[in-house]
Amino acid sequence: MPVSQENFEKTVNKFKEIENTRSQFYALALNLLNQGYENEAYILILATWNFAGFRYILKEFNFKKFKEMMRKINPIFDSLKEENFKDSDFENSFLCKKIKEIYKKLKGLKGVKQTGATKIMHLKNPHLFVMWDTKIRKMYKIWNTEPEDYILFLKKMKDEFKNIVWEGREQTFAKAIDEYNYVKSQQFGLRLKK
């Protein structure tokens, strides 16, 4: 059953209460990106929102290789720059092929993996890509992390939030969905522990 507007807005409003500090790092990363410090923005988001995995490989992280991969996939990102979550058709084979290609390349980078891949993808196009993490995937019963699974996730998000109206807000619709999912996944995790 799709999420109601009231439930969505109420849950999204809880996000800043829960993650006030890290939400500021997200804004800082977007600002860096908009000022041309693209790779620095990605590293900041990985270090603050993907820190569970990123901190363990920091000594071995190959920044040169990371920058080279971003240079290679930027043209693919550019081909999707007009896309947005609300209007995108995730059944479209051209769109899905491009998304899977970006995701696969990023996921393969040491220190990025599946969670970091969606964080970087979202920063590059915050209107199109919805982020995920392990708790969010479990909440939606997505057990694998292959490119097809990310497309499945986007389709589920499209169905789950199809009735939401979200124009003229502080954050993009894709970011608001992430905030909703984050709050709900924290509650979901607590229920599983009981």
N, C-alpha and C. Protein backbone atom coordinates (compact mmCIF):
# COMPACT_ATOMS: atom_id res chain seq x y z
N MET A 1 0.85 -1.18 0.00
CA MET A 1 0.00 0.00 0.00
C MET A 1 0.89 1.24 0.00
N PRO A 2 0.67 2.16 -0.94
CA PRO A 2 1.51 3.37 -1.00
C PRO A 2 1.42 4.21 0.28
N VAL A 3 2.50 4.90 0.55
CA VAL A 3 2.60 5.76 1.73
C VAL A 3 1.71 6.98 1.54
N SER A 4 1.07 7.40 2.62
CA SER A 4 0.21 8.59 2.56
C SER A 4 1.05 9.86 2.65
N GLN A 5 0.51 10.93 2.14
CA GLN A 5 1.19 12.23 2.19
C GLN A 5 1.49 12.64 3.63
N GLU A 6 0.50 12.46 4.50
CA GLU A 6 0.66 12.87 5.90
C GLU A 6 1.78 12.07 6.59
N ASN A 7 1.77 10.77 6.39
CA ASN A 7 2.79 9.90 6.99
C ASN A 7 4.17 10.26 6.43
N PHE A 8 4.23 10.50 5.14
CA PHE A 8 5.50 10.84 4.49
C PHE A 8 6.08 12.13 5.08
N GLU A 9 5.29 13.17 5.11
CA GLU A 9 5.77 14.46 5.62
C GLU A 9 6.16 14.38 7.09
N LYS A 10 5.36 13.71 7.87
CA LYS A 10 5.65 13.56 9.31
C LYS A 10 6.98 12.82 9.51
N THR A 11 7.20 11.77 8.76
CA THR A 11 8.42 10.98 8.89
C THR A 11 9.64 11.74 8.40
N VAL A 12 9.52 12.43 7.28
CA VAL A 12 10.64 13.22 6.75
C VAL A 12 11.04 14.31 7.73
N ASN A 13 10.07 14.90 8.40
CA ASN A 13 10.37 15.94 9.39
C ASN A 13 11.16 15.40 10.58
N LYS A 14 11.02 14.12 10.88
CA LYS A 14 11.76 13.51 11.99
C LYS A 14 13.24 13.34 11.65
N PHE A 15 13.56 13.29 10.37
CA PHE A 15 14.93 13.00 9.95
C PHE A 15 15.94 13.97 10.55
N LYS A 16 15.67 15.27 10.46
CA LYS A 16 16.63 16.26 10.97
C LYS A 16 16.80 16.18 12.49
N GLU A 17 15.76 15.76 13.17
CA GLU A 17 15.88 15.56 14.62
C GLU A 17 16.86 14.43 14.91
N ILE A 18 16.79 13.39 14.12
CA ILE A 18 17.63 12.21 14.32
C ILE A 18 19.06 12.45 13.83
N GLU A 19 19.19 13.09 12.67
CA GLU A 19 20.50 13.23 12.01
C GLU A 19 20.83 14.69 11.70
N ASN A 20 20.70 15.55 12.67
CA ASN A 20 20.94 16.97 12.44
C ASN A 20 22.37 17.25 11.97
N THR A 21 23.36 16.65 12.60
CA THR A 21 24.75 16.94 12.24
C THR A 21 25.11 16.36 10.88
N ARG A 22 24.83 15.08 10.68
CA ARG A 22 25.22 14.48 9.40
C ARG A 22 24.43 15.06 8.24
N SER A 23 23.22 15.54 8.48
CA SER A 23 22.47 16.17 7.39
C SER A 23 23.18 17.45 6.93
N GLN A 24 23.90 18.08 7.82
CA GLN A 24 24.67 19.27 7.44
C GLN A 24 25.85 18.89 6.54
N PHE A 25 26.43 17.71 6.76
CA PHE A 25 27.51 17.24 5.89
C PHE A 25 27.00 16.96 4.48
N TYR A 26 25.77 16.48 4.39
CA TYR A 26 25.14 16.27 3.07
C TYR A 26 25.05 17.61 2.33
N ALA A 27 24.57 18.63 3.02
CA ALA A 27 24.46 19.97 2.40
C ALA A 27 25.83 20.49 2.01
N LEU A 28 26.82 20.28 2.85
CA LEU A 28 28.18 20.71 2.56
C LEU A 28 28.72 19.98 1.33
N ALA A 29 28.46 18.68 1.22
CA ALA A 29 28.91 17.91 0.06
C ALA A 29 28.26 18.42 -1.22
N LEU A 30 26.97 18.72 -1.17
CA LEU A 30 26.30 19.30 -2.35
C LEU A 30 26.92 20.64 -2.74
N ASN A 31 27.22 21.45 -1.74
CA ASN A 31 27.85 22.74 -1.99
C ASN A 31 29.22 22.57 -2.64
N LEU A 32 30.02 21.65 -2.13
CA LEU A 32 31.33 21.36 -2.74
C LEU A 32 31.17 20.94 -4.20
N LEU A 33 30.23 20.07 -4.45
CA LEU A 33 29.98 19.58 -5.81
C LEU A 33 29.60 20.74 -6.73
N ASN A 34 28.72 21.59 -6.26
CA ASN A 34 28.27 22.73 -7.08
C ASN A 34 29.37 23.75 -7.33
N GLN A 35 30.39 23.76 -6.47
CA GLN A 35 31.52 24.68 -6.65
C GLN A 35 32.66 24.04 -7.46
N GLY A 36 32.44 22.83 -7.96
CA GLY A 36 33.44 22.18 -8.79
C GLY A 36 34.37 21.23 -8.06
N TYR A 37 34.16 21.03 -6.77
CA TYR A 37 34.98 20.10 -5.99
C TYR A 37 34.26 18.75 -5.90
N GLU A 38 34.10 18.16 -7.06
CA GLU A 38 33.29 16.95 -7.19
C GLU A 38 33.85 15.78 -6.37
N ASN A 39 35.09 15.44 -6.59
CA ASN A 39 35.67 14.29 -5.89
C ASN A 39 35.73 14.52 -4.38
N GLU A 40 35.98 15.73 -3.97
CA GLU A 40 36.00 16.06 -2.55
C GLU A 40 34.61 15.87 -1.93
N ALA A 41 33.59 16.23 -2.69
CA ALA A 41 32.21 16.05 -2.23
C ALA A 41 31.91 14.56 -2.02
N TYR A 42 32.34 13.73 -2.96
CA TYR A 42 32.10 12.30 -2.84
C TYR A 42 32.82 11.70 -1.63
N ILE A 43 34.05 12.12 -1.43
CA ILE A 43 34.81 11.61 -0.28
C ILE A 43 34.14 12.04 1.03
N LEU A 44 33.67 13.27 1.08
CA LEU A 44 32.98 13.73 2.29
C LEU A 44 31.73 12.90 2.56
N ILE A 45 30.96 12.62 1.53
CA ILE A 45 29.73 11.84 1.75
C ILE A 45 30.06 10.40 2.14
N LEU A 46 31.12 9.84 1.56
CA LEU A 46 31.52 8.48 1.94
C LEU A 46 32.02 8.44 3.39
N ALA A 47 32.77 9.47 3.77
CA ALA A 47 33.34 9.50 5.12
C ALA A 47 32.30 9.76 6.20
N THR A 48 31.19 10.40 5.85
CA THR A 48 30.18 10.73 6.86
C THR A 48 28.93 9.85 6.78
N TRP A 49 28.57 9.38 5.59
CA TRP A 49 27.35 8.59 5.45
C TRP A 49 27.62 7.15 5.04
N ASN A 50 28.85 6.81 4.80
CA ASN A 50 29.20 5.43 4.48
C ASN A 50 30.42 5.03 5.31
N PHE A 51 30.53 5.64 6.47
CA PHE A 51 31.74 5.50 7.28
C PHE A 51 31.96 4.09 7.80
N ALA A 52 30.89 3.31 7.96
CA ALA A 52 31.05 1.96 8.51
C ALA A 52 32.01 1.13 7.66
N GLY A 53 31.92 1.26 6.35
CA GLY A 53 32.83 0.53 5.48
C GLY A 53 34.05 1.35 5.08
N PHE A 54 33.86 2.63 4.91
CA PHE A 54 34.93 3.49 4.39
C PHE A 54 36.11 3.60 5.35
N ARG A 55 35.82 3.63 6.63
CA ARG A 55 36.90 3.82 7.61
C ARG A 55 37.90 2.68 7.61
N TYR A 56 37.44 1.47 7.25
CA TYR A 56 38.34 0.32 7.28
C TYR A 56 39.31 0.27 6.11
N ILE A 57 38.99 0.94 5.03
CA ILE A 57 39.88 0.89 3.87
C ILE A 57 40.61 2.21 3.63
N LEU A 58 40.42 3.15 4.51
CA LEU A 58 40.97 4.49 4.30
C LEU A 58 42.46 4.48 3.98
N LYS A 59 43.24 3.65 4.65
CA LYS A 59 44.68 3.60 4.39
C LYS A 59 44.99 3.08 3.00
N GLU A 60 44.14 2.20 2.49
CA GLU A 60 44.38 1.62 1.16
C GLU A 60 43.58 2.28 0.05
N PHE A 61 42.76 3.28 0.39
CA PHE A 61 41.91 3.91 -0.61
C PHE A 61 42.77 4.56 -1.69
N ASN A 62 42.49 4.22 -2.94
CA ASN A 62 43.25 4.72 -4.07
C ASN A 62 42.50 5.90 -4.68
N PHE A 63 42.84 7.10 -4.23
CA PHE A 63 42.13 8.30 -4.68
C PHE A 63 42.33 8.54 -6.17
N LYS A 64 43.49 8.23 -6.68
CA LYS A 64 43.77 8.40 -8.11
C LYS A 64 42.86 7.50 -8.95
N LYS A 65 42.73 6.25 -8.53
CA LYS A 65 41.85 5.30 -9.23
C LYS A 65 40.39 5.76 -9.13
N PHE A 66 40.01 6.26 -7.96
CA PHE A 66 38.65 6.77 -7.76
C PHE A 66 38.36 7.92 -8.73
N LYS A 67 39.27 8.90 -8.79
CA LYS A 67 39.08 10.05 -9.68
C LYS A 67 39.01 9.61 -11.15
N GLU A 68 39.82 8.65 -11.51
CA GLU A 68 39.82 8.14 -12.89
C GLU A 68 38.47 7.50 -13.22
N MET A 69 37.95 6.71 -12.30
CA MET A 69 36.64 6.08 -12.53
C MET A 69 35.55 7.14 -12.66
N MET A 70 35.59 8.16 -11.82
CA MET A 70 34.59 9.23 -11.91
C MET A 70 34.69 9.94 -13.27
N ARG A 71 35.91 10.16 -13.73
CA ARG A 71 36.10 10.79 -15.04
C ARG A 71 35.48 9.93 -16.15
N LYS A 72 35.63 8.62 -16.04
CA LYS A 72 35.09 7.70 -17.05
C LYS A 72 33.57 7.65 -17.04
N ILE A 73 32.97 7.71 -15.86
CA ILE A 73 31.51 7.56 -15.81
C ILE A 73 30.75 8.88 -15.86
N ASN A 74 31.44 9.99 -15.77
CA ASN A 74 30.74 11.28 -15.85
C ASN A 74 29.94 11.46 -17.14
N PRO A 75 30.42 10.99 -18.30
CA PRO A 75 29.57 11.10 -19.50
C PRO A 75 28.26 10.31 -19.38
N ILE A 76 28.29 9.20 -18.67
CA ILE A 76 27.05 8.43 -18.48
C ILE A 76 26.11 9.22 -17.57
N PHE A 77 26.67 9.77 -16.49
CA PHE A 77 25.86 10.65 -15.64
C PHE A 77 25.26 11.80 -16.45
N ASP A 78 26.09 12.40 -17.29
CA ASP A 78 25.62 13.54 -18.10
C ASP A 78 24.44 13.16 -18.99
N SER A 79 24.43 11.92 -19.49
CA SER A 79 23.32 11.48 -20.34
C SER A 79 22.01 11.35 -19.56
N LEU A 80 22.11 11.36 -18.23
CA LEU A 80 20.92 11.22 -17.37
C LEU A 80 20.59 12.51 -16.62
N LYS A 81 21.28 13.59 -16.92
CA LYS A 81 21.13 14.80 -16.11
C LYS A 81 19.73 15.40 -16.14
N GLU A 82 18.94 15.13 -17.16
CA GLU A 82 17.58 15.67 -17.23
C GLU A 82 16.56 14.75 -16.57
N GLU A 83 16.99 13.58 -16.16
CA GLU A 83 16.08 12.61 -15.54
C GLU A 83 15.78 13.00 -14.10
N ASN A 84 14.55 12.72 -13.67
CA ASN A 84 14.20 12.88 -12.26
C ASN A 84 13.36 11.69 -11.83
N PHE A 85 13.38 11.43 -10.56
CA PHE A 85 12.74 10.23 -10.02
C PHE A 85 11.26 10.16 -10.35
N LYS A 86 10.55 11.22 -10.14
CA LYS A 86 9.08 11.22 -10.28
C LYS A 86 8.65 10.86 -11.70
N ASP A 87 9.39 11.36 -12.70
CA ASP A 87 8.98 11.17 -14.09
C ASP A 87 9.70 10.02 -14.80
N SER A 88 10.69 9.43 -14.17
CA SER A 88 11.47 8.38 -14.84
C SER A 88 10.72 7.06 -14.88
N ASP A 89 10.92 6.35 -15.98
CA ASP A 89 10.33 5.04 -16.18
C ASP A 89 11.42 4.00 -15.97
N PHE A 90 11.39 3.33 -14.83
CA PHE A 90 12.42 2.35 -14.51
C PHE A 90 12.17 1.01 -15.17
N GLU A 91 11.24 0.98 -16.11
CA GLU A 91 11.06 -0.17 -17.00
C GLU A 91 11.79 0.10 -18.32
N ASN A 92 12.19 1.33 -18.54
CA ASN A 92 12.88 1.73 -19.77
C ASN A 92 14.27 1.10 -19.82
N SER A 93 14.50 0.29 -20.85
CA SER A 93 15.77 -0.46 -20.90
C SER A 93 16.98 0.45 -21.07
N PHE A 94 16.84 1.56 -21.81
CA PHE A 94 17.96 2.49 -21.98
C PHE A 94 18.34 3.12 -20.64
N LEU A 95 17.36 3.62 -19.93
CA LEU A 95 17.60 4.25 -18.63
C LEU A 95 18.20 3.23 -17.65
N CYS A 96 17.60 2.06 -17.59
CA CYS A 96 18.08 1.03 -16.65
C CYS A 96 19.50 0.58 -16.99
N LYS A 97 19.80 0.47 -18.27
CA LYS A 97 21.15 0.08 -18.68
C LYS A 97 22.18 1.09 -18.17
N LYS A 98 21.87 2.37 -18.32
CA LYS A 98 22.79 3.42 -17.87
C LYS A 98 22.95 3.41 -16.35
N ILE A 99 21.84 3.27 -15.64
CA ILE A 99 21.89 3.23 -14.17
C ILE A 99 22.71 2.04 -13.70
N LYS A 100 22.46 0.87 -14.28
CA LYS A 100 23.20 -0.33 -13.88
C LYS A 100 24.69 -0.19 -14.18
N GLU A 101 25.01 0.43 -15.29
CA GLU A 101 26.42 0.62 -15.64
C GLU A 101 27.14 1.50 -14.62
N ILE A 102 26.52 2.60 -14.26
CA ILE A 102 27.11 3.50 -13.25
C ILE A 102 27.25 2.77 -11.92
N TYR A 103 26.17 2.15 -11.48
CA TYR A 103 26.15 1.46 -10.19
C TYR A 103 27.23 0.38 -10.13
N LYS A 104 27.33 -0.44 -11.17
CA LYS A 104 28.29 -1.53 -11.19
C LYS A 104 29.73 -1.02 -11.08
N LYS A 105 30.03 0.05 -11.83
CA LYS A 105 31.39 0.59 -11.81
C LYS A 105 31.72 1.17 -10.42
N LEU A 106 30.79 1.88 -9.83
CA LEU A 106 31.03 2.45 -8.51
C LEU A 106 31.10 1.38 -7.43
N LYS A 107 30.19 0.42 -7.50
CA LYS A 107 30.15 -0.65 -6.50
C LYS A 107 31.47 -1.43 -6.46
N GLY A 108 32.12 -1.53 -7.61
CA GLY A 108 33.37 -2.27 -7.69
C GLY A 108 34.58 -1.56 -7.10
N LEU A 109 34.42 -0.29 -6.76
CA LEU A 109 35.54 0.47 -6.19
C LEU A 109 35.71 0.15 -4.70
N LYS A 110 36.93 -0.11 -4.31
CA LYS A 110 37.22 -0.38 -2.91
C LYS A 110 36.87 0.87 -2.09
N GLY A 111 36.07 0.67 -1.05
CA GLY A 111 35.68 1.77 -0.19
C GLY A 111 34.35 2.40 -0.57
N VAL A 112 33.81 2.01 -1.71
CA VAL A 112 32.53 2.57 -2.15
C VAL A 112 31.43 1.52 -1.96
N LYS A 113 31.55 0.41 -2.64
CA LYS A 113 30.60 -0.69 -2.58
C LYS A 113 29.18 -0.24 -2.86
N GLN A 114 28.20 -1.08 -2.49
CA GLN A 114 26.80 -0.84 -2.88
C GLN A 114 26.18 0.39 -2.21
N THR A 115 26.45 0.60 -0.95
CA THR A 115 25.86 1.75 -0.27
C THR A 115 26.48 3.04 -0.75
N GLY A 116 27.80 3.08 -0.81
CA GLY A 116 28.50 4.28 -1.28
C GLY A 116 28.18 4.61 -2.72
N ALA A 117 27.96 3.57 -3.54
CA ALA A 117 27.62 3.81 -4.95
C ALA A 117 26.36 4.66 -5.05
N THR A 118 25.32 4.31 -4.28
CA THR A 118 24.07 5.07 -4.38
C THR A 118 24.21 6.47 -3.78
N LYS A 119 25.10 6.61 -2.80
CA LYS A 119 25.33 7.95 -2.22
C LYS A 119 25.97 8.86 -3.27
N ILE A 120 26.98 8.34 -3.97
CA ILE A 120 27.64 9.12 -5.02
C ILE A 120 26.68 9.41 -6.16
N MET A 121 25.92 8.40 -6.56
CA MET A 121 24.96 8.58 -7.65
C MET A 121 23.95 9.67 -7.29
N HIS A 122 23.49 9.63 -6.05
CA HIS A 122 22.53 10.64 -5.62
C HIS A 122 23.14 12.05 -5.63
N LEU A 123 24.35 12.17 -5.12
CA LEU A 123 25.00 13.49 -5.12
C LEU A 123 25.13 14.03 -6.54
N LYS A 124 25.49 13.16 -7.47
CA LYS A 124 25.68 13.59 -8.86
C LYS A 124 24.35 14.00 -9.49
N ASN A 125 23.28 13.28 -9.18
CA ASN A 125 21.95 13.65 -9.66
C ASN A 125 20.95 13.45 -8.53
N PRO A 126 20.81 14.46 -7.67
CA PRO A 126 19.92 14.32 -6.50
C PRO A 126 18.44 14.29 -6.86
N HIS A 127 18.12 14.53 -8.13
CA HIS A 127 16.72 14.48 -8.57
C HIS A 127 16.32 13.08 -9.02
N LEU A 128 17.29 12.24 -9.33
CA LEU A 128 16.99 10.92 -9.89
C LEU A 128 17.22 9.77 -8.91
N PHE A 129 18.37 9.75 -8.27
CA PHE A 129 18.78 8.55 -7.53
C PHE A 129 18.37 8.60 -6.05
N VAL A 130 17.74 7.52 -5.62
CA VAL A 130 17.38 7.35 -4.21
C VAL A 130 18.48 6.48 -3.59
N MET A 131 18.99 6.90 -2.46
CA MET A 131 20.05 6.16 -1.78
C MET A 131 19.46 4.97 -1.01
N TRP A 132 20.35 4.00 -0.76
CA TRP A 132 19.97 2.88 0.09
C TRP A 132 21.14 2.50 0.98
N ASP A 133 20.85 1.70 1.97
CA ASP A 133 21.89 1.09 2.80
C ASP A 133 21.37 -0.28 3.22
N THR A 134 22.11 -0.99 4.01
CA THR A 134 21.74 -2.36 4.38
C THR A 134 20.38 -2.42 5.09
N LYS A 135 20.16 -1.52 6.05
CA LYS A 135 18.88 -1.53 6.79
C LYS A 135 17.70 -1.24 5.87
N ILE A 136 17.89 -0.29 4.97
CA ILE A 136 16.81 0.06 4.03
C ILE A 136 16.52 -1.11 3.10
N ARG A 137 17.57 -1.75 2.59
CA ARG A 137 17.36 -2.91 1.71
C ARG A 137 16.59 -4.01 2.45
N LYS A 138 16.98 -4.29 3.70
CA LYS A 138 16.29 -5.32 4.47
C LYS A 138 14.82 -4.96 4.69
N MET A 139 14.58 -3.69 4.96
CA MET A 139 13.21 -3.24 5.20
C MET A 139 12.32 -3.51 3.98
N TYR A 140 12.90 -3.39 2.79
CA TYR A 140 12.15 -3.62 1.55
C TYR A 140 12.35 -5.03 1.00
N LYS A 141 12.97 -5.88 1.81
CA LYS A 141 13.19 -7.29 1.44
C LYS A 141 13.99 -7.43 0.14
N ILE A 142 15.01 -6.61 0.01
CA ILE A 142 15.95 -6.73 -1.11
C ILE A 142 17.23 -7.29 -0.51
N TRP A 143 17.51 -8.53 -0.84
CA TRP A 143 18.58 -9.26 -0.16
C TRP A 143 19.91 -9.17 -0.88
N ASN A 144 19.90 -8.84 -2.15
CA ASN A 144 21.14 -8.80 -2.93
C ASN A 144 21.48 -7.36 -3.31
N THR A 145 22.68 -7.18 -3.82
CA THR A 145 23.15 -5.81 -4.10
C THR A 145 23.67 -5.67 -5.53
N GLU A 146 23.16 -6.48 -6.43
CA GLU A 146 23.57 -6.39 -7.83
C GLU A 146 22.85 -5.22 -8.51
N PRO A 147 23.34 -4.80 -9.68
CA PRO A 147 22.69 -3.69 -10.37
C PRO A 147 21.18 -3.89 -10.57
N GLU A 148 20.77 -5.11 -10.86
CA GLU A 148 19.34 -5.40 -11.05
C GLU A 148 18.55 -5.16 -9.76
N ASP A 149 19.22 -5.41 -8.63
CA ASP A 149 18.56 -5.20 -7.34
C ASP A 149 18.35 -3.71 -7.06
N TYR A 150 19.30 -2.89 -7.50
CA TYR A 150 19.11 -1.45 -7.33
C TYR A 150 17.95 -0.95 -8.20
N ILE A 151 17.83 -1.48 -9.42
CA ILE A 151 16.70 -1.12 -10.28
C ILE A 151 15.40 -1.57 -9.62
N LEU A 152 15.38 -2.77 -9.06
CA LEU A 152 14.20 -3.27 -8.34
C LEU A 152 13.84 -2.32 -7.20
N PHE A 153 14.85 -1.87 -6.48
CA PHE A 153 14.63 -0.92 -5.39
C PHE A 153 13.99 0.37 -5.92
N LEU A 154 14.51 0.92 -7.01
CA LEU A 154 13.94 2.15 -7.57
C LEU A 154 12.48 1.94 -7.98
N LYS A 155 12.19 0.78 -8.54
CA LYS A 155 10.80 0.47 -8.92
C LYS A 155 9.91 0.40 -7.68
N LYS A 156 10.42 -0.24 -6.62
CA LYS A 156 9.64 -0.31 -5.38
C LYS A 156 9.40 1.09 -4.81
N MET A 157 10.42 1.94 -4.88
CA MET A 157 10.27 3.31 -4.37
C MET A 157 9.22 4.06 -5.19
N LYS A 158 9.24 3.85 -6.49
CA LYS A 158 8.27 4.50 -7.38
C LYS A 158 6.85 4.09 -6.99
N ASP A 159 6.65 2.81 -6.73
CA ASP A 159 5.33 2.32 -6.35
C ASP A 159 4.93 2.78 -4.94
N GLU A 160 5.88 2.70 -4.03
CA GLU A 160 5.62 3.05 -2.62
C GLU A 160 5.24 4.53 -2.45
N PHE A 161 5.85 5.39 -3.24
CA PHE A 161 5.67 6.84 -3.06
C PHE A 161 4.96 7.51 -4.23
N LYS A 162 4.20 6.75 -4.99
CA LYS A 162 3.56 7.27 -6.21
C LYS A 162 2.51 8.35 -5.93
N ASN A 163 1.96 8.38 -4.74
CA ASN A 163 0.91 9.36 -4.43
C ASN A 163 1.43 10.63 -3.76
N ILE A 164 2.73 10.71 -3.56
CA ILE A 164 3.29 11.85 -2.83
C ILE A 164 3.49 13.05 -3.76
N VAL A 165 3.07 14.20 -3.27
CA VAL A 165 3.30 15.47 -3.98
C VAL A 165 4.44 16.16 -3.26
N TRP A 166 5.49 16.53 -4.01
CA TRP A 166 6.69 17.08 -3.37
C TRP A 166 7.36 18.10 -4.29
N GLU A 167 6.77 19.23 -4.43
CA GLU A 167 7.37 20.29 -5.23
C GLU A 167 7.69 21.49 -4.36
N GLY A 168 8.75 22.21 -4.74
CA GLY A 168 9.10 23.43 -4.05
C GLY A 168 9.57 23.23 -2.62
N ARG A 169 10.13 22.09 -2.34
CA ARG A 169 10.60 21.78 -0.99
C ARG A 169 12.11 21.98 -0.90
N GLU A 170 12.61 21.97 0.32
CA GLU A 170 14.04 22.16 0.57
C GLU A 170 14.87 21.07 -0.10
N GLN A 171 14.45 19.81 0.04
CA GLN A 171 15.20 18.72 -0.55
C GLN A 171 14.46 18.16 -1.76
N THR A 172 15.20 17.46 -2.61
CA THR A 172 14.57 16.82 -3.76
C THR A 172 13.66 15.70 -3.29
N PHE A 173 12.80 15.26 -4.17
CA PHE A 173 11.91 14.15 -3.84
C PHE A 173 12.72 12.88 -3.54
N ALA A 174 13.76 12.63 -4.33
CA ALA A 174 14.60 11.45 -4.10
C ALA A 174 15.27 11.51 -2.72
N LYS A 175 15.69 12.69 -2.30
CA LYS A 175 16.31 12.85 -0.98
C LYS A 175 15.27 12.69 0.12
N ALA A 176 14.08 13.22 -0.09
CA ALA A 176 13.01 13.07 0.90
C ALA A 176 12.65 11.59 1.09
N ILE A 177 12.63 10.83 -0.01
CA ILE A 177 12.37 9.39 0.09
C ILE A 177 13.45 8.73 0.93
N ASP A 178 14.70 9.12 0.71
CA ASP A 178 15.80 8.57 1.50
C ASP A 178 15.62 8.90 2.98
N GLU A 179 15.24 10.12 3.28
CA GLU A 179 15.04 10.51 4.67
C GLU A 179 13.91 9.71 5.30
N TYR A 180 12.83 9.53 4.57
CA TYR A 180 11.72 8.71 5.05
C TYR A 180 12.22 7.29 5.33
N ASN A 181 12.92 6.71 4.35
CA ASN A 181 13.43 5.35 4.50
C ASN A 181 14.40 5.22 5.67
N TYR A 182 15.23 6.23 5.85
CA TYR A 182 16.20 6.20 6.94
C TYR A 182 15.49 6.13 8.29
N VAL A 183 14.52 7.01 8.49
CA VAL A 183 13.77 7.04 9.76
C VAL A 183 13.04 5.71 9.96
N LYS A 184 12.36 5.24 8.93
CA LYS A 184 11.60 3.99 9.05
C LYS A 184 12.52 2.80 9.27
N SER A 185 13.70 2.80 8.62
CA SER A 185 14.62 1.67 8.79
C SER A 185 15.20 1.63 10.20
N GLN A 186 15.37 2.79 10.82
CA GLN A 186 15.84 2.82 12.21
C GLN A 186 14.78 2.20 13.11
N GLN A 187 13.52 2.55 12.86
CA GLN A 187 12.41 1.98 13.64
C GLN A 187 12.27 0.49 13.36
N PHE A 188 12.44 0.11 12.10
CA PHE A 188 12.35 -1.29 11.68
C PHE A 188 13.44 -2.12 12.37
N GLY A 189 14.65 -1.58 12.43
CA GLY A 189 15.76 -2.26 13.10
C GLY A 189 15.49 -2.48 14.57
N LEU A 190 14.89 -1.50 15.21
CA LEU A 190 14.57 -1.62 16.63
C LEU A 190 13.51 -2.70 16.85
N ARG A 191 12.53 -2.77 15.96
CA ARG A 191 11.49 -3.80 16.08
C ARG A 191 12.08 -5.20 15.91
N LEU A 192 13.03 -5.34 15.01
CA LEU A 192 13.66 -6.65 14.79
C LEU A 192 14.45 -7.11 16.01
N LYS A 193 15.02 -6.17 16.76
CA LYS A 193 15.83 -6.52 17.93
C LYS A 193 14.98 -6.96 19.11
N LYS A 194 13.71 -6.55 19.13
CA LYS A 194 12.85 -6.88 20.27
C LYS A 194 12.43 -8.35 20.25
